[in-house]
């Protein structure tokens, strides 16, 4: 009688791939290494995931869930900015997978546009003048992403990170304050 299928295997495969990604980035996520880490065989991996890209998409979904859970706790745009940089510090490989090099290859243009439209909504709710919503969102996203990529470029915590983080958050606050709608 054949052995019954393990219903937890797809999750174990993703967990193994996620662990490999977290340890060493995209280059270490191979089908063979994922199978080994998940204590299964490469044919079993292929039975659940068509190829390596499908596994990376699954890992990205796990990282996105972690990111969304972190950002959902935001109480304002500025708090969200700080939380994003905190996320980068705590989960650098997750941020790299979500928004780092190769982002445009991993995410469809429609999803990229939807993510940015959502961010513009947060800027709009921060009482930024309508004509300034898009340029403000672009500027803040650029500031935060630049700071995040600065952090990712460092092997160990760089002594300038705290200063860079503060400068980025101060610039975001100044930009928001300058572009707010006047009170009536």
N, C-alpha and C. Protein backbone atom coordinates (compact mmCIF):
# COMPACT_ATOMS: atom_id res chain seq x y z
N UNK A 1 0.85 -1.18 0.00
CA UNK A 1 0.00 0.00 0.00
C UNK A 1 0.90 1.25 0.00
N UNK A 2 0.60 2.23 -0.88
CA UNK A 2 1.43 3.44 -0.93
C UNK A 2 1.28 4.27 0.34
N UNK A 3 2.34 4.96 0.64
CA UNK A 3 2.34 5.84 1.81
C UNK A 3 1.39 7.02 1.56
N UNK A 4 0.59 7.41 2.57
CA UNK A 4 -0.34 8.54 2.35
C UNK A 4 0.45 9.85 2.19
N UNK A 5 -0.12 10.74 1.40
CA UNK A 5 0.51 12.04 1.15
C UNK A 5 0.57 12.85 2.44
N UNK A 6 1.63 13.58 2.61
CA UNK A 6 1.81 14.43 3.78
C UNK A 6 1.18 15.79 3.48
N UNK A 7 0.07 16.14 4.14
CA UNK A 7 -0.59 17.41 3.83
C UNK A 7 0.24 18.63 4.25
N UNK A 8 1.22 18.43 5.12
CA UNK A 8 2.05 19.56 5.56
C UNK A 8 3.25 19.79 4.64
N UNK A 9 3.46 18.93 3.65
CA UNK A 9 4.65 19.04 2.81
C UNK A 9 4.75 20.37 2.07
N UNK A 10 3.71 20.88 1.44
CA UNK A 10 3.87 22.18 0.77
C UNK A 10 4.32 23.29 1.73
N UNK A 11 3.79 23.29 2.94
CA UNK A 11 4.21 24.29 3.91
C UNK A 11 5.66 24.06 4.33
N UNK A 12 6.04 22.80 4.54
CA UNK A 12 7.43 22.50 4.91
C UNK A 12 8.40 22.94 3.82
N UNK A 13 7.99 22.76 2.57
CA UNK A 13 8.83 23.18 1.45
C UNK A 13 9.00 24.70 1.46
N UNK A 14 7.90 25.41 1.64
CA UNK A 14 7.98 26.88 1.69
C UNK A 14 8.78 27.35 2.90
N UNK A 15 8.57 26.70 4.04
CA UNK A 15 9.32 27.07 5.25
C UNK A 15 10.81 26.85 5.04
N UNK A 16 11.17 25.76 4.38
CA UNK A 16 12.57 25.49 4.09
C UNK A 16 13.14 26.53 3.14
N UNK A 17 12.39 26.86 2.10
CA UNK A 17 12.84 27.87 1.14
C UNK A 17 12.97 29.23 1.82
N UNK A 18 12.02 29.55 2.68
CA UNK A 18 12.06 30.82 3.41
C UNK A 18 13.29 30.88 4.32
N UNK A 19 13.58 29.78 4.99
CA UNK A 19 14.76 29.74 5.86
C UNK A 19 16.03 29.91 5.04
N UNK A 20 16.11 29.25 3.90
CA UNK A 20 17.28 29.40 3.04
C UNK A 20 17.41 30.84 2.56
N UNK A 21 16.28 31.43 2.12
CA UNK A 21 16.29 32.81 1.65
C UNK A 21 16.77 33.74 2.77
N UNK A 22 16.24 33.53 3.96
CA UNK A 22 16.59 34.39 5.10
C UNK A 22 18.08 34.28 5.45
N UNK A 23 18.64 33.11 5.26
CA UNK A 23 20.05 32.89 5.58
C UNK A 23 20.99 33.47 4.53
N UNK A 24 20.60 33.36 3.25
CA UNK A 24 21.57 33.74 2.23
C UNK A 24 21.05 34.42 0.99
N UNK A 25 19.78 34.76 0.96
CA UNK A 25 19.24 35.44 -0.21
C UNK A 25 18.86 34.49 -1.32
N UNK A 26 18.50 35.07 -2.44
CA UNK A 26 17.93 34.31 -3.54
C UNK A 26 18.88 33.26 -4.11
N UNK A 27 20.16 33.54 -4.13
CA UNK A 27 21.13 32.63 -4.72
C UNK A 27 21.20 31.27 -4.06
N UNK A 28 20.79 31.17 -2.80
CA UNK A 28 20.90 29.88 -2.11
C UNK A 28 19.61 29.07 -2.16
N UNK A 29 18.58 29.61 -2.78
CA UNK A 29 17.31 28.88 -2.88
C UNK A 29 17.32 28.05 -4.16
N UNK A 30 17.78 26.81 -4.02
CA UNK A 30 17.76 25.87 -5.15
C UNK A 30 16.78 24.76 -4.81
N UNK A 31 16.26 24.12 -5.83
CA UNK A 31 15.31 23.02 -5.62
C UNK A 31 15.96 21.93 -4.76
N UNK A 32 17.18 21.59 -5.08
CA UNK A 32 17.88 20.52 -4.34
C UNK A 32 18.05 20.89 -2.86
N UNK A 33 18.49 22.14 -2.58
CA UNK A 33 18.69 22.55 -1.19
C UNK A 33 17.37 22.69 -0.44
N UNK A 34 16.34 23.14 -1.14
CA UNK A 34 15.01 23.23 -0.51
C UNK A 34 14.54 21.83 -0.13
N UNK A 35 14.68 20.89 -1.03
CA UNK A 35 14.26 19.51 -0.75
C UNK A 35 15.02 18.95 0.44
N UNK A 36 16.32 19.18 0.46
CA UNK A 36 17.14 18.67 1.57
C UNK A 36 16.70 19.29 2.89
N UNK A 37 16.52 20.60 2.91
CA UNK A 37 16.13 21.28 4.15
C UNK A 37 14.72 20.87 4.60
N UNK A 38 13.84 20.56 3.65
CA UNK A 38 12.46 20.15 3.97
C UNK A 38 12.37 18.65 4.24
N UNK A 39 13.50 17.95 4.20
CA UNK A 39 13.56 16.49 4.41
C UNK A 39 12.64 15.75 3.44
N UNK A 40 12.80 16.11 2.15
CA UNK A 40 12.02 15.44 1.11
C UNK A 40 12.91 15.29 -0.12
N UNK A 41 12.32 14.94 -1.23
CA UNK A 41 13.07 14.73 -2.46
C UNK A 41 12.74 15.84 -3.46
N UNK A 42 13.62 16.01 -4.45
CA UNK A 42 13.33 17.03 -5.47
C UNK A 42 12.06 16.70 -6.26
N UNK A 43 11.77 15.42 -6.60
CA UNK A 43 10.50 15.15 -7.27
C UNK A 43 9.28 15.55 -6.42
N UNK A 44 9.41 15.40 -5.10
CA UNK A 44 8.31 15.81 -4.22
C UNK A 44 8.13 17.32 -4.24
N UNK A 45 9.22 18.05 -4.32
CA UNK A 45 9.13 19.52 -4.42
C UNK A 45 8.41 19.88 -5.72
N UNK A 46 8.83 19.24 -6.83
CA UNK A 46 8.21 19.52 -8.13
C UNK A 46 6.74 19.10 -8.17
N UNK A 47 6.35 18.18 -7.34
CA UNK A 47 4.94 17.76 -7.30
C UNK A 47 4.05 18.88 -6.75
N UNK A 48 4.65 19.79 -5.97
CA UNK A 48 3.87 20.87 -5.37
C UNK A 48 4.17 22.25 -5.97
N UNK A 49 5.36 22.41 -6.55
CA UNK A 49 5.77 23.70 -7.13
C UNK A 49 6.37 23.43 -8.50
N UNK A 50 5.86 24.10 -9.51
CA UNK A 50 6.29 23.81 -10.88
C UNK A 50 7.76 24.10 -11.13
N UNK A 51 8.29 25.10 -10.44
CA UNK A 51 9.70 25.45 -10.64
C UNK A 51 10.17 26.33 -9.48
N UNK A 52 11.42 26.74 -9.56
CA UNK A 52 12.02 27.57 -8.51
C UNK A 52 11.29 28.90 -8.37
N UNK A 53 10.86 29.48 -9.49
CA UNK A 53 10.14 30.76 -9.43
C UNK A 53 8.84 30.63 -8.62
N UNK A 54 8.18 29.50 -8.75
CA UNK A 54 6.95 29.28 -7.98
C UNK A 54 7.26 29.24 -6.48
N UNK A 55 8.39 28.65 -6.13
CA UNK A 55 8.79 28.61 -4.73
C UNK A 55 9.11 30.03 -4.24
N UNK A 56 9.84 30.79 -5.05
CA UNK A 56 10.19 32.16 -4.66
C UNK A 56 8.91 33.00 -4.51
N UNK A 57 7.92 32.79 -5.38
CA UNK A 57 6.64 33.50 -5.22
C UNK A 57 5.98 33.13 -3.90
N UNK A 58 6.05 31.88 -3.51
CA UNK A 58 5.50 31.45 -2.23
C UNK A 58 6.24 32.08 -1.06
N UNK A 59 7.56 32.14 -1.17
CA UNK A 59 8.37 32.78 -0.13
C UNK A 59 8.03 34.27 -0.07
N UNK A 60 7.84 34.89 -1.23
CA UNK A 60 7.47 36.31 -1.26
C UNK A 60 6.13 36.52 -0.57
N UNK A 61 5.20 35.61 -0.76
CA UNK A 61 3.89 35.72 -0.09
C UNK A 61 4.05 35.65 1.43
N UNK A 62 4.94 34.77 1.90
CA UNK A 62 5.20 34.70 3.34
C UNK A 62 5.80 36.01 3.85
N UNK A 63 6.78 36.54 3.10
CA UNK A 63 7.41 37.81 3.49
C UNK A 63 6.39 38.94 3.45
N UNK A 64 5.53 38.93 2.44
CA UNK A 64 4.50 39.98 2.32
C UNK A 64 3.53 39.93 3.50
N UNK A 65 3.18 38.74 3.92
CA UNK A 65 2.30 38.60 5.09
C UNK A 65 2.93 39.18 6.34
N UNK A 66 4.22 38.91 6.53
CA UNK A 66 4.95 39.45 7.68
C UNK A 66 5.01 40.97 7.60
N UNK A 67 5.29 41.50 6.39
CA UNK A 67 5.37 42.95 6.18
C UNK A 67 4.01 43.60 6.44
N UNK A 68 2.96 43.04 5.86
CA UNK A 68 1.62 43.60 6.04
C UNK A 68 1.21 43.60 7.51
N UNK A 69 1.53 42.53 8.23
CA UNK A 69 1.18 42.45 9.66
C UNK A 69 1.92 43.54 10.44
N UNK A 70 3.15 43.79 10.08
CA UNK A 70 3.93 44.83 10.75
C UNK A 70 3.37 46.22 10.43
N UNK A 71 3.06 46.46 9.18
CA UNK A 71 2.58 47.78 8.77
C UNK A 71 1.14 48.04 9.22
N UNK A 72 0.36 47.00 9.44
CA UNK A 72 -1.04 47.17 9.87
C UNK A 72 -1.13 47.84 11.23
N UNK A 73 -0.07 47.80 12.00
CA UNK A 73 -0.07 48.40 13.33
C UNK A 73 0.19 49.91 13.28
N UNK A 74 0.46 50.45 12.10
CA UNK A 74 0.78 51.88 11.96
C UNK A 74 -0.38 52.75 12.40
N UNK A 75 -0.05 53.82 13.09
CA UNK A 75 -1.07 54.77 13.56
C UNK A 75 -1.10 56.05 12.74
N UNK A 76 -0.09 56.24 11.88
CA UNK A 76 -0.02 57.43 11.02
C UNK A 76 1.00 57.14 9.92
N UNK A 77 1.09 58.06 8.96
CA UNK A 77 2.08 57.88 7.90
C UNK A 77 3.48 57.87 8.49
N UNK A 78 3.77 58.78 9.39
CA UNK A 78 5.11 58.82 9.98
C UNK A 78 5.41 57.58 10.81
N UNK A 79 4.41 57.09 11.54
CA UNK A 79 4.61 55.85 12.27
C UNK A 79 4.85 54.70 11.28
N UNK A 80 4.15 54.70 10.16
CA UNK A 80 4.36 53.69 9.13
C UNK A 80 5.75 53.77 8.55
N UNK A 81 6.26 54.99 8.36
CA UNK A 81 7.63 55.16 7.86
C UNK A 81 8.63 54.53 8.84
N UNK A 82 8.45 54.81 10.11
CA UNK A 82 9.34 54.25 11.13
C UNK A 82 9.21 52.73 11.18
N UNK A 83 7.98 52.23 11.08
CA UNK A 83 7.77 50.78 11.11
C UNK A 83 8.42 50.10 9.91
N UNK A 84 8.37 50.76 8.75
CA UNK A 84 9.01 50.18 7.57
C UNK A 84 10.51 50.03 7.81
N UNK A 85 11.15 51.06 8.35
CA UNK A 85 12.58 50.96 8.61
C UNK A 85 12.88 49.98 9.74
N UNK A 86 11.99 49.87 10.71
CA UNK A 86 12.14 48.83 11.74
C UNK A 86 12.06 47.44 11.12
N UNK A 87 11.13 47.27 10.17
CA UNK A 87 10.97 46.00 9.48
C UNK A 87 12.26 45.64 8.72
N UNK A 88 12.83 46.63 8.05
CA UNK A 88 14.07 46.40 7.32
C UNK A 88 15.17 45.92 8.28
N UNK A 89 15.22 46.53 9.44
CA UNK A 89 16.23 46.15 10.43
C UNK A 89 15.99 44.73 10.94
N UNK A 90 14.74 44.41 11.21
CA UNK A 90 14.41 43.10 11.78
C UNK A 90 14.39 41.98 10.74
N UNK A 91 13.98 42.31 9.51
CA UNK A 91 13.80 41.30 8.46
C UNK A 91 14.41 41.79 7.15
N UNK A 92 15.72 41.98 7.12
CA UNK A 92 16.32 42.56 5.90
C UNK A 92 16.10 41.72 4.64
N UNK A 93 16.13 40.42 4.76
CA UNK A 93 15.93 39.58 3.57
C UNK A 93 14.48 39.66 3.07
N UNK A 94 13.53 39.83 3.98
CA UNK A 94 12.14 39.99 3.56
C UNK A 94 11.98 41.26 2.73
N UNK A 95 12.56 42.36 3.23
CA UNK A 95 12.46 43.61 2.48
C UNK A 95 13.15 43.46 1.12
N UNK A 96 14.29 42.81 1.13
CA UNK A 96 15.02 42.60 -0.13
C UNK A 96 14.16 41.85 -1.13
N UNK A 97 13.48 40.82 -0.68
CA UNK A 97 12.62 40.05 -1.56
C UNK A 97 11.42 40.86 -2.04
N UNK A 98 10.85 41.66 -1.14
CA UNK A 98 9.67 42.44 -1.49
C UNK A 98 9.98 43.63 -2.39
N UNK A 99 11.07 44.35 -2.11
CA UNK A 99 11.31 45.61 -2.80
C UNK A 99 12.74 45.82 -3.28
N UNK A 100 13.63 44.88 -3.03
CA UNK A 100 15.03 45.06 -3.41
C UNK A 100 15.28 44.74 -4.87
N UNK A 101 16.55 44.49 -5.17
CA UNK A 101 16.94 44.19 -6.54
C UNK A 101 16.14 43.01 -7.07
N UNK A 102 15.66 43.13 -8.28
CA UNK A 102 14.84 42.10 -8.89
C UNK A 102 13.35 42.28 -8.65
N UNK A 103 12.97 43.33 -7.92
CA UNK A 103 11.55 43.59 -7.60
C UNK A 103 10.70 43.60 -8.87
N UNK A 104 11.15 44.30 -9.87
CA UNK A 104 10.36 44.42 -11.11
C UNK A 104 10.23 43.09 -11.84
N UNK A 105 11.16 42.19 -11.62
CA UNK A 105 11.07 40.87 -12.23
C UNK A 105 10.13 39.95 -11.47
N UNK A 106 9.97 40.20 -10.17
CA UNK A 106 9.17 39.32 -9.32
C UNK A 106 7.72 39.76 -9.19
N UNK A 107 7.43 41.02 -9.55
CA UNK A 107 6.09 41.57 -9.32
C UNK A 107 5.57 42.17 -10.63
N UNK A 108 4.33 41.87 -10.96
CA UNK A 108 3.76 42.39 -12.20
C UNK A 108 3.59 43.91 -12.11
N UNK A 109 3.60 44.59 -13.25
CA UNK A 109 3.38 46.04 -13.24
C UNK A 109 2.05 46.43 -12.58
N UNK A 110 1.02 45.61 -12.76
CA UNK A 110 -0.28 45.92 -12.13
C UNK A 110 -0.17 45.90 -10.61
N UNK A 111 0.54 44.92 -10.07
CA UNK A 111 0.71 44.85 -8.62
C UNK A 111 1.57 46.00 -8.12
N UNK A 112 2.61 46.34 -8.87
CA UNK A 112 3.45 47.49 -8.50
C UNK A 112 2.59 48.75 -8.43
N UNK A 113 1.77 48.96 -9.43
CA UNK A 113 0.90 50.15 -9.47
C UNK A 113 -0.10 50.13 -8.32
N UNK A 114 -0.66 48.96 -8.03
CA UNK A 114 -1.64 48.85 -6.93
C UNK A 114 -0.99 49.16 -5.59
N UNK A 115 0.23 48.67 -5.38
CA UNK A 115 0.93 48.95 -4.12
C UNK A 115 1.19 50.45 -3.98
N UNK A 116 1.59 51.10 -5.07
CA UNK A 116 1.87 52.53 -4.99
C UNK A 116 0.59 53.34 -4.82
N UNK A 117 -0.49 52.93 -5.47
CA UNK A 117 -1.78 53.61 -5.31
C UNK A 117 -2.23 53.53 -3.85
N UNK A 118 -2.03 52.39 -3.23
CA UNK A 118 -2.38 52.25 -1.81
C UNK A 118 -1.54 53.21 -0.96
N UNK A 119 -0.24 53.32 -1.26
CA UNK A 119 0.62 54.23 -0.53
C UNK A 119 0.17 55.68 -0.73
N UNK A 120 -0.22 56.03 -1.95
CA UNK A 120 -0.74 57.38 -2.19
C UNK A 120 -1.98 57.65 -1.34
N UNK A 121 -2.79 56.63 -1.12
CA UNK A 121 -3.97 56.78 -0.26
C UNK A 121 -3.58 57.16 1.16
N UNK A 122 -2.52 56.56 1.67
CA UNK A 122 -2.05 56.92 3.02
C UNK A 122 -1.58 58.37 3.05
N UNK A 123 -0.88 58.80 2.01
CA UNK A 123 -0.41 60.18 1.93
C UNK A 123 -1.60 61.12 1.86
N UNK A 124 -2.59 60.77 1.09
CA UNK A 124 -3.81 61.58 0.96
C UNK A 124 -4.50 61.72 2.33
N UNK A 125 -4.59 60.62 3.07
CA UNK A 125 -5.24 60.66 4.39
C UNK A 125 -4.43 61.44 5.42
N UNK A 126 -3.18 61.74 5.10
CA UNK A 126 -2.35 62.55 6.00
C UNK A 126 -2.59 64.05 5.75
N UNK A 127 -3.64 64.36 5.01
CA UNK A 127 -4.06 65.74 4.73
C UNK A 127 -3.09 66.49 3.81
N UNK A 128 -2.41 65.77 2.93
CA UNK A 128 -1.56 66.42 1.94
C UNK A 128 -2.46 66.96 0.83
N UNK A 129 -2.12 68.18 0.35
CA UNK A 129 -2.88 68.79 -0.74
C UNK A 129 -2.94 67.82 -1.92
N UNK A 130 -4.09 67.73 -2.56
CA UNK A 130 -4.30 66.75 -3.62
C UNK A 130 -3.24 66.86 -4.72
N UNK A 131 -2.90 68.07 -5.12
CA UNK A 131 -1.92 68.23 -6.20
C UNK A 131 -0.52 67.73 -5.78
N UNK A 132 -0.30 67.61 -4.47
CA UNK A 132 1.00 67.19 -3.96
C UNK A 132 1.04 65.72 -3.52
N UNK A 133 -0.08 65.01 -3.65
CA UNK A 133 -0.11 63.63 -3.16
C UNK A 133 0.93 62.76 -3.87
N UNK A 134 0.89 62.73 -5.20
CA UNK A 134 1.81 61.84 -5.93
C UNK A 134 3.27 62.24 -5.73
N UNK A 135 3.64 63.53 -5.92
CA UNK A 135 5.06 63.86 -5.70
C UNK A 135 5.51 63.61 -4.26
N UNK A 136 4.63 63.79 -3.30
CA UNK A 136 4.99 63.53 -1.90
C UNK A 136 5.18 62.04 -1.68
N UNK A 137 4.28 61.24 -2.24
CA UNK A 137 4.40 59.78 -2.11
C UNK A 137 5.70 59.29 -2.77
N UNK A 138 6.00 59.83 -3.94
CA UNK A 138 7.24 59.44 -4.62
C UNK A 138 8.47 59.83 -3.81
N UNK A 139 8.46 61.03 -3.25
CA UNK A 139 9.60 61.50 -2.46
C UNK A 139 9.79 60.66 -1.20
N UNK A 140 8.70 60.40 -0.49
CA UNK A 140 8.79 59.62 0.75
C UNK A 140 9.19 58.18 0.44
N UNK A 141 8.61 57.60 -0.59
CA UNK A 141 8.98 56.23 -0.96
C UNK A 141 10.47 56.18 -1.33
N UNK A 142 10.96 57.18 -2.03
CA UNK A 142 12.37 57.22 -2.42
C UNK A 142 13.27 57.36 -1.19
N UNK A 143 12.89 58.22 -0.27
CA UNK A 143 13.67 58.39 0.97
C UNK A 143 13.75 57.08 1.75
N UNK A 144 12.60 56.46 1.95
CA UNK A 144 12.56 55.23 2.74
C UNK A 144 13.29 54.08 2.04
N UNK A 145 13.06 53.96 0.74
CA UNK A 145 13.71 52.87 0.00
C UNK A 145 15.22 53.09 -0.04
N UNK A 146 15.64 54.32 -0.21
CA UNK A 146 17.08 54.61 -0.19
C UNK A 146 17.70 54.23 1.15
N UNK A 147 17.04 54.61 2.23
CA UNK A 147 17.54 54.26 3.56
C UNK A 147 17.54 52.74 3.74
N UNK A 148 16.48 52.09 3.29
CA UNK A 148 16.39 50.63 3.42
C UNK A 148 17.51 49.94 2.64
N UNK A 149 17.75 50.39 1.42
CA UNK A 149 18.79 49.77 0.62
C UNK A 149 20.18 50.07 1.19
N UNK A 150 20.35 51.24 1.80
CA UNK A 150 21.60 51.54 2.50
C UNK A 150 21.81 50.50 3.59
N UNK A 151 20.77 50.21 4.35
CA UNK A 151 20.87 49.21 5.43
C UNK A 151 21.18 47.82 4.86
N UNK A 152 20.51 47.46 3.77
CA UNK A 152 20.73 46.14 3.18
C UNK A 152 22.14 45.98 2.61
N UNK A 153 22.76 47.08 2.22
CA UNK A 153 24.09 47.02 1.64
C UNK A 153 25.17 46.73 2.68
N UNK A 154 24.84 46.82 3.93
CA UNK A 154 25.81 46.62 5.01
C UNK A 154 25.75 45.18 5.50
N UNK A 155 26.91 44.56 5.62
CA UNK A 155 26.96 43.19 6.15
C UNK A 155 26.58 43.17 7.62
N UNK A 156 27.10 44.07 8.37
CA UNK A 156 26.76 44.17 9.79
C UNK A 156 26.13 45.55 9.99
N UNK A 157 25.57 45.75 11.13
CA UNK A 157 24.93 47.04 11.39
C UNK A 157 25.96 48.16 11.26
N UNK A 158 25.73 49.01 10.28
CA UNK A 158 26.65 50.11 10.00
C UNK A 158 26.50 51.19 11.07
N UNK A 159 27.60 51.79 11.51
CA UNK A 159 27.49 52.83 12.54
C UNK A 159 26.67 54.04 12.09
N UNK A 160 26.55 54.23 10.78
CA UNK A 160 25.77 55.37 10.29
C UNK A 160 24.28 55.05 10.18
N UNK A 161 23.89 53.81 10.38
CA UNK A 161 22.49 53.43 10.18
C UNK A 161 21.54 54.25 11.04
N UNK A 162 21.82 54.40 12.31
CA UNK A 162 20.94 55.14 13.21
C UNK A 162 20.77 56.58 12.71
N UNK A 163 21.87 57.17 12.28
CA UNK A 163 21.84 58.55 11.78
C UNK A 163 21.08 58.63 10.44
N UNK A 164 21.31 57.68 9.58
CA UNK A 164 20.61 57.62 8.28
C UNK A 164 19.11 57.45 8.50
N UNK A 165 18.75 56.54 9.40
CA UNK A 165 17.34 56.28 9.71
C UNK A 165 16.66 57.55 10.20
N UNK A 166 17.30 58.24 11.15
CA UNK A 166 16.73 59.46 11.71
C UNK A 166 16.61 60.54 10.64
N UNK A 167 17.63 60.69 9.81
CA UNK A 167 17.59 61.71 8.75
C UNK A 167 16.44 61.43 7.78
N UNK A 168 16.24 60.18 7.41
CA UNK A 168 15.16 59.83 6.48
C UNK A 168 13.80 60.13 7.11
N UNK A 169 13.63 59.75 8.37
CA UNK A 169 12.35 60.01 9.04
C UNK A 169 12.11 61.50 9.24
N UNK A 170 13.16 62.26 9.58
CA UNK A 170 13.02 63.72 9.72
C UNK A 170 12.64 64.36 8.39
N UNK A 171 13.23 63.90 7.30
CA UNK A 171 12.90 64.43 5.98
C UNK A 171 11.45 64.11 5.60
N UNK A 172 11.00 62.91 5.93
CA UNK A 172 9.60 62.53 5.66
C UNK A 172 8.65 63.45 6.43
N UNK A 173 8.97 63.69 7.70
CA UNK A 173 8.12 64.54 8.54
C UNK A 173 8.09 65.97 8.00
N UNK A 174 9.24 66.49 7.60
CA UNK A 174 9.30 67.86 7.07
C UNK A 174 8.51 67.97 5.78
N UNK A 175 8.63 66.99 4.92
CA UNK A 175 7.90 67.00 3.66
C UNK A 175 6.39 66.96 3.89
N UNK A 176 5.96 66.08 4.77
CA UNK A 176 4.52 66.01 5.07
C UNK A 176 4.01 67.31 5.66
N UNK A 177 4.76 67.89 6.58
CA UNK A 177 4.33 69.13 7.21
C UNK A 177 4.23 70.26 6.18
N UNK A 178 5.16 70.32 5.27
CA UNK A 178 5.16 71.39 4.27
C UNK A 178 4.03 71.25 3.25
N UNK A 179 3.60 70.05 3.02
CA UNK A 179 2.61 69.81 1.97
C UNK A 179 1.20 69.57 2.48
N UNK A 180 0.98 69.81 3.74
CA UNK A 180 -0.38 69.62 4.29
C UNK A 180 -1.30 70.71 3.79
N UNK A 181 -2.56 70.33 3.64
CA UNK A 181 -3.59 71.33 3.28
C UNK A 181 -3.72 72.32 4.41
N UNK A 182 -3.90 73.60 4.07
CA UNK A 182 -4.10 74.57 5.14
C UNK A 182 -5.44 74.31 5.85
N UNK A 183 -5.46 74.54 7.15
CA UNK A 183 -6.70 74.35 7.89
C UNK A 183 -7.64 75.51 7.61
N UNK A 184 -8.92 75.21 7.54
CA UNK A 184 -9.91 76.25 7.23
C UNK A 184 -10.50 76.82 8.47
